[in-house]
N, C-alpha and C. Protein backbone atom coordinates (compact mmCIF):
# COMPACT_ATOMS: atom_id res chain seq x y z
N MET A 1 35.15 -93.41 17.46
CA MET A 1 34.71 -92.50 16.46
C MET A 1 34.75 -90.84 16.74
N GLN A 2 35.56 -90.21 16.08
CA GLN A 2 35.99 -88.58 16.50
C GLN A 2 34.51 -88.22 15.75
N VAL A 3 34.15 -87.01 16.58
CA VAL A 3 32.85 -86.38 16.45
C VAL A 3 33.43 -84.84 16.05
N SER A 4 32.83 -84.17 15.07
CA SER A 4 33.30 -82.76 14.82
C SER A 4 32.43 -82.03 15.51
N THR A 5 33.69 -81.33 15.90
CA THR A 5 32.82 -79.80 17.00
C THR A 5 32.69 -78.63 16.21
N LYS A 6 33.13 -78.68 14.75
CA LYS A 6 32.65 -77.33 13.87
C LYS A 6 31.38 -77.28 14.18
N PHE A 7 31.19 -75.80 14.26
CA PHE A 7 29.76 -75.22 14.38
C PHE A 7 29.06 -75.51 12.98
N LYS A 8 29.49 -75.58 12.01
CA LYS A 8 28.67 -75.88 10.60
C LYS A 8 28.62 -77.09 10.72
N ASP A 9 29.14 -78.01 11.37
CA ASP A 9 28.76 -79.51 11.45
C ASP A 9 27.80 -79.88 12.33
N VAL A 10 27.89 -79.35 13.50
CA VAL A 10 26.90 -79.41 14.57
C VAL A 10 25.61 -79.39 14.41
N PHE A 11 25.70 -77.94 13.78
CA PHE A 11 24.60 -77.39 13.21
C PHE A 11 23.92 -77.56 11.84
N ALA A 12 24.52 -78.92 11.35
CA ALA A 12 24.39 -78.83 9.42
C ALA A 12 22.97 -79.57 9.48
N PHE A 13 22.12 -79.20 8.58
CA PHE A 13 20.90 -79.98 8.58
C PHE A 13 20.71 -81.45 8.85
N SER A 14 21.96 -82.58 8.55
CA SER A 14 21.89 -83.67 9.00
C SER A 14 22.55 -84.01 10.14
N GLY A 15 23.05 -82.77 10.94
CA GLY A 15 23.78 -82.66 12.07
C GLY A 15 23.38 -83.07 13.21
N PRO A 16 24.35 -83.18 14.17
CA PRO A 16 23.21 -83.65 15.75
C PRO A 16 22.60 -82.53 16.20
N ALA A 17 22.80 -81.39 16.25
CA ALA A 17 21.88 -80.76 17.04
C ALA A 17 20.21 -80.31 16.56
N PRO A 18 20.18 -79.87 15.18
CA PRO A 18 18.91 -79.41 14.93
C PRO A 18 17.70 -80.90 15.57
N GLU A 19 17.69 -82.15 15.31
CA GLU A 19 17.02 -82.83 15.62
C GLU A 19 16.98 -83.20 16.80
N THR A 20 18.34 -83.03 17.34
CA THR A 20 18.20 -83.27 19.00
C THR A 20 17.13 -82.24 19.77
N ILE A 21 17.97 -81.34 19.15
CA ILE A 21 17.26 -79.81 20.30
C ILE A 21 15.71 -79.66 19.85
N ASN A 22 15.11 -79.59 18.72
CA ASN A 22 13.86 -80.02 18.59
C ASN A 22 12.86 -81.13 19.00
N GLY A 23 13.49 -82.20 19.06
CA GLY A 23 13.18 -83.19 19.82
C GLY A 23 12.80 -83.07 21.02
N ARG A 24 13.57 -82.75 21.51
CA ARG A 24 13.69 -82.41 23.22
C ARG A 24 12.62 -81.07 23.55
N LEU A 25 12.57 -80.30 22.34
CA LEU A 25 11.96 -79.15 23.05
C LEU A 25 10.26 -79.49 22.80
N ALA A 26 10.30 -80.25 21.63
CA ALA A 26 8.87 -81.37 21.55
C ALA A 26 8.10 -81.90 22.48
N MET A 27 9.23 -82.57 23.13
CA MET A 27 8.61 -83.61 24.04
C MET A 27 8.23 -83.00 25.30
N LEU A 28 9.01 -81.98 25.76
CA LEU A 28 8.77 -80.73 26.98
C LEU A 28 7.54 -80.12 26.76
N GLY A 29 7.13 -79.76 25.67
CA GLY A 29 6.49 -78.53 25.21
C GLY A 29 4.96 -79.84 25.03
N PHE A 30 5.07 -80.87 24.84
CA PHE A 30 3.75 -81.87 25.02
C PHE A 30 3.54 -82.22 25.89
N VAL A 31 4.10 -82.65 26.83
CA VAL A 31 4.28 -82.89 27.98
C VAL A 31 3.57 -81.64 29.11
N SER A 32 4.22 -80.57 28.69
CA SER A 32 3.68 -79.54 29.44
C SER A 32 2.56 -79.11 29.13
N ALA A 33 1.85 -79.15 28.00
CA ALA A 33 0.86 -78.80 27.06
C ALA A 33 -0.43 -79.21 27.64
N VAL A 34 -0.04 -81.12 27.70
CA VAL A 34 -1.07 -81.75 28.26
C VAL A 34 -1.35 -81.67 29.63
N GLY A 35 -0.57 -81.09 30.43
CA GLY A 35 -0.56 -81.26 31.98
C GLY A 35 -0.82 -80.13 32.45
N VAL A 36 -0.90 -79.49 31.60
CA VAL A 36 -1.38 -77.65 32.30
C VAL A 36 -2.67 -77.65 31.90
N GLU A 37 -3.08 -78.31 30.46
CA GLU A 37 -4.42 -78.62 30.24
C GLU A 37 -5.50 -79.55 31.26
N ILE A 38 -4.62 -80.34 31.35
CA ILE A 38 -5.10 -81.29 32.78
C ILE A 38 -5.67 -80.79 33.88
N ALA A 39 -4.45 -79.97 34.40
CA ALA A 39 -4.46 -79.15 35.55
C ALA A 39 -5.46 -77.94 35.47
N SER A 40 -5.76 -77.19 34.50
CA SER A 40 -6.43 -75.98 34.15
C SER A 40 -7.46 -76.12 33.30
N GLY A 41 -7.68 -76.98 32.32
CA GLY A 41 -8.67 -76.85 31.56
C GLY A 41 -8.41 -75.97 30.36
N ARG A 42 -7.01 -75.67 30.30
CA ARG A 42 -7.03 -74.14 29.08
C ARG A 42 -6.48 -74.97 28.28
N ASP A 43 -7.00 -74.60 26.64
CA ASP A 43 -6.27 -75.05 25.53
C ASP A 43 -4.92 -74.56 25.04
N LEU A 44 -4.21 -75.47 24.35
CA LEU A 44 -2.97 -74.78 24.08
C LEU A 44 -2.49 -73.30 23.65
N PHE A 45 -3.65 -72.77 22.64
CA PHE A 45 -3.02 -71.60 22.47
C PHE A 45 -3.98 -70.33 23.72
N SER A 46 -4.47 -70.90 24.21
CA SER A 46 -4.66 -69.99 25.72
C SER A 46 -3.45 -70.21 26.48
N GLN A 47 -3.17 -71.08 26.50
CA GLN A 47 -1.88 -71.50 27.39
C GLN A 47 -0.96 -70.48 26.92
N LEU A 48 -0.46 -70.16 25.67
CA LEU A 48 0.10 -69.12 25.01
C LEU A 48 -0.11 -67.89 25.19
N ALA A 49 -1.15 -67.47 24.79
CA ALA A 49 -1.81 -65.96 25.19
C ALA A 49 -1.72 -65.65 26.80
N THR A 50 -1.54 -66.27 27.73
CA THR A 50 -1.40 -65.90 28.97
C THR A 50 -0.41 -66.09 29.48
N GLY A 51 0.61 -66.18 29.08
CA GLY A 51 2.26 -66.10 29.27
C GLY A 51 2.85 -67.09 29.26
N GLY A 52 2.22 -67.95 28.06
CA GLY A 52 2.92 -69.15 27.88
C GLY A 52 4.37 -68.83 26.84
N VAL A 53 4.71 -67.42 26.13
CA VAL A 53 5.64 -67.63 25.10
C VAL A 53 6.53 -67.24 25.80
N PRO A 54 6.87 -66.43 26.94
CA PRO A 54 8.10 -66.02 27.75
C PRO A 54 8.81 -67.70 28.34
N LEU A 55 7.89 -68.01 28.71
CA LEU A 55 8.24 -69.66 29.55
C LEU A 55 8.67 -70.44 28.60
N PHE A 56 8.22 -70.25 27.26
CA PHE A 56 8.68 -71.34 26.57
C PHE A 56 10.11 -70.90 25.75
N LEU A 57 10.28 -69.12 25.45
CA LEU A 57 11.46 -69.34 25.37
C LEU A 57 12.90 -69.34 26.31
N GLY A 58 12.33 -69.18 27.25
CA GLY A 58 13.25 -69.60 28.28
C GLY A 58 13.68 -71.24 28.57
N SER A 59 12.97 -71.65 28.47
CA SER A 59 12.96 -73.00 28.02
C SER A 59 13.56 -73.75 26.87
N ALA A 60 13.42 -72.97 25.63
CA ALA A 60 14.07 -73.12 24.67
C ALA A 60 15.33 -72.95 24.58
N ILE A 61 15.79 -71.67 25.11
CA ILE A 61 17.41 -71.31 25.52
C ILE A 61 17.85 -72.37 25.96
N LEU A 62 16.99 -72.71 27.44
CA LEU A 62 18.28 -73.41 28.48
C LEU A 62 18.36 -74.67 27.82
N LEU A 63 17.32 -75.55 27.31
CA LEU A 63 17.80 -76.74 26.60
C LEU A 63 18.62 -77.02 25.60
N SER A 64 18.40 -75.89 24.44
CA SER A 64 19.05 -75.60 23.71
C SER A 64 20.31 -75.86 24.02
N VAL A 65 20.73 -74.75 24.87
CA VAL A 65 22.59 -74.67 25.23
C VAL A 65 22.72 -75.73 25.87
N ALA A 66 22.19 -76.33 26.37
CA ALA A 66 22.50 -77.72 27.50
C ALA A 66 22.78 -78.92 26.45
N SER A 67 21.96 -78.91 25.39
CA SER A 67 22.09 -80.08 24.14
C SER A 67 23.27 -79.78 23.43
N VAL A 68 23.85 -78.45 23.42
CA VAL A 68 25.03 -78.32 22.18
C VAL A 68 26.04 -77.98 23.35
N ILE A 69 25.84 -77.88 24.33
CA ILE A 69 27.78 -78.22 25.15
C ILE A 69 28.23 -79.14 25.02
N PRO A 70 27.49 -80.44 25.00
CA PRO A 70 28.27 -81.31 25.06
C PRO A 70 28.76 -81.71 23.85
N MET A 71 28.17 -81.23 22.83
CA MET A 71 28.30 -81.39 21.31
C MET A 71 29.40 -81.02 21.04
N PHE A 72 29.73 -79.66 21.47
CA PHE A 72 30.80 -79.15 20.94
C PHE A 72 32.06 -79.10 21.70
N LYS A 73 32.01 -80.20 22.80
CA LYS A 73 33.19 -81.00 23.36
C LYS A 73 33.44 -82.41 22.95
N GLY A 74 32.71 -82.66 21.62
CA GLY A 74 32.94 -83.74 21.29
C GLY A 74 32.36 -85.17 21.70
N VAL A 75 31.20 -85.06 22.46
CA VAL A 75 30.15 -86.03 22.95
C VAL A 75 29.17 -86.12 22.09
N SER A 76 28.89 -87.68 21.52
CA SER A 76 27.89 -87.73 21.10
C SER A 76 26.86 -88.36 21.90
N LYS A 77 25.88 -88.21 21.23
CA LYS A 77 24.72 -89.38 21.93
C LYS A 77 24.87 -90.48 22.17
N GLU A 78 25.48 -90.99 21.15
CA GLU A 78 25.29 -92.50 20.88
C GLU A 78 26.62 -92.85 22.00
N SER A 79 27.38 -92.42 22.36
CA SER A 79 28.86 -92.41 23.07
C SER A 79 27.91 -92.66 24.78
N LYS A 80 26.58 -91.95 25.31
CA LYS A 80 26.26 -91.90 26.26
C LYS A 80 24.91 -92.92 26.37
N SER A 81 24.52 -93.48 25.24
CA SER A 81 23.37 -94.27 25.00
C SER A 81 23.64 -95.75 25.96
N GLN A 82 22.45 -95.69 26.58
CA GLN A 82 22.31 -97.51 27.35
C GLN A 82 21.52 -98.03 26.40
N GLU A 83 20.94 -99.37 27.25
CA GLU A 83 20.24 -100.13 27.07
C GLU A 83 18.57 -99.58 26.64
N ILE A 84 18.19 -98.80 27.74
CA ILE A 84 17.27 -98.68 27.79
C ILE A 84 16.69 -97.39 27.73
N MET A 85 17.46 -96.48 28.16
CA MET A 85 17.61 -94.87 27.69
C MET A 85 18.61 -94.23 26.62
N SER A 86 17.98 -95.23 25.44
CA SER A 86 18.98 -95.28 23.81
C SER A 86 18.70 -93.93 23.20
N SER A 87 19.88 -93.74 22.74
CA SER A 87 19.91 -92.39 21.54
C SER A 87 18.79 -92.76 20.47
N GLY A 88 18.71 -93.58 20.09
CA GLY A 88 17.38 -94.16 19.35
C GLY A 88 15.94 -93.84 19.93
N ALA A 89 15.84 -94.25 21.22
CA ALA A 89 14.49 -93.74 21.32
C ALA A 89 14.28 -92.68 22.02
N GLU A 90 15.26 -92.23 22.28
CA GLU A 90 15.33 -90.32 22.22
C GLU A 90 14.88 -89.97 20.93
N MET A 91 15.00 -90.09 19.70
CA MET A 91 15.00 -89.42 18.92
C MET A 91 13.66 -89.95 18.33
N LEU A 92 13.25 -91.30 18.43
CA LEU A 92 11.55 -91.85 18.24
C LEU A 92 10.87 -90.94 19.30
N ASN A 93 11.40 -90.81 20.25
CA ASN A 93 10.14 -89.69 21.50
C ASN A 93 10.02 -88.93 20.87
N GLY A 94 11.18 -87.77 20.52
CA GLY A 94 11.23 -86.48 20.08
C GLY A 94 10.51 -86.62 18.61
N ARG A 95 10.46 -87.53 17.59
CA ARG A 95 9.72 -87.20 16.49
C ARG A 95 8.20 -87.49 16.83
N PHE A 96 7.67 -88.52 18.10
CA PHE A 96 6.35 -88.75 18.38
C PHE A 96 5.88 -87.36 18.87
N ALA A 97 6.37 -86.62 19.49
CA ALA A 97 6.53 -85.51 20.86
C ALA A 97 6.21 -84.41 19.56
N MET A 98 7.09 -84.58 18.06
CA MET A 98 6.82 -83.33 17.28
C MET A 98 5.52 -83.51 16.63
N LEU A 99 5.03 -84.76 16.34
CA LEU A 99 3.80 -85.01 15.64
C LEU A 99 2.67 -85.05 16.72
N GLY A 100 2.64 -85.01 17.58
CA GLY A 100 1.44 -84.97 18.93
C GLY A 100 1.55 -83.37 19.47
N LEU A 101 2.34 -82.79 19.77
CA LEU A 101 2.20 -81.50 19.30
C LEU A 101 1.51 -80.62 18.16
N VAL A 102 1.71 -81.17 17.46
CA VAL A 102 1.02 -80.28 16.10
C VAL A 102 -0.33 -81.01 15.87
N ALA A 103 -0.77 -82.49 16.32
CA ALA A 103 -1.86 -82.65 16.21
C ALA A 103 -2.82 -82.45 17.20
N LEU A 104 -2.21 -82.15 18.67
CA LEU A 104 -2.90 -81.27 19.72
C LEU A 104 -2.86 -80.11 19.40
N ALA A 105 -2.44 -79.35 18.50
CA ALA A 105 -2.53 -77.94 18.47
C ALA A 105 -3.88 -77.75 17.01
N LEU A 106 -3.99 -78.52 16.27
CA LEU A 106 -4.63 -78.76 15.15
C LEU A 106 -6.08 -79.35 15.61
N THR A 107 -5.95 -80.22 16.60
CA THR A 107 -7.58 -80.71 16.96
C THR A 107 -8.11 -79.86 18.07
N GLU A 108 -7.33 -78.90 18.51
CA GLU A 108 -7.95 -78.03 19.21
C GLU A 108 -8.37 -76.79 18.65
N TYR A 109 -7.74 -76.49 17.61
CA TYR A 109 -7.94 -75.24 16.74
C TYR A 109 -9.19 -75.65 15.99
N LEU A 110 -9.45 -77.06 15.80
CA LEU A 110 -10.57 -77.32 14.80
C LEU A 110 -11.91 -77.53 16.01
N LYS A 111 -11.61 -77.95 16.91
CA LYS A 111 -12.97 -78.27 18.04
C LYS A 111 -13.24 -77.56 18.51
N GLY A 112 -12.28 -75.86 18.79
CA GLY A 112 -12.16 -74.86 19.32
C GLY A 112 -12.26 -74.64 20.94
N GLY A 113 -11.42 -75.31 21.56
CA GLY A 113 -11.44 -75.69 22.70
C GLY A 113 -10.40 -76.63 23.07
N PRO A 114 -10.17 -77.15 24.54
CA PRO A 114 -9.27 -77.93 24.59
C PRO A 114 -9.73 -79.67 24.48
N LEU A 115 -8.87 -80.04 24.32
CA LEU A 115 -8.85 -81.84 23.77
C LEU A 115 -9.29 -82.60 24.77
N ILE A 116 -8.95 -82.13 26.23
CA ILE A 116 -9.12 -82.76 27.25
C ILE A 116 -10.09 -81.97 28.41
N SER A 117 -11.18 -82.57 28.94
CA SER A 117 -11.96 -81.45 29.38
C SER A 117 -12.90 -82.02 30.42
């Protein structure tokens, strides 16, 4: 199957880039937020307020570029998919991480502090 390498196809609403990049960033963000919270006791909002935004932006740029380079070379996620580390599992994990990150932020906002203390 031939994969389009045109910018508008890669970044289309139903294209491979948006959900792949957002899912990978959400997985990184959720694990990082919970890990720092366990290690330091700071909630998500205080993590962002004390230097987390530049780290997030740097990570977002790096992961986004690393994710789109293969797409522009015509490599699909499905072609690199294996039995355990499948593209479907990555998509599902990314969607759960998006929900988890929003739930973490909302819970900590309503609670007024870290979820894990």
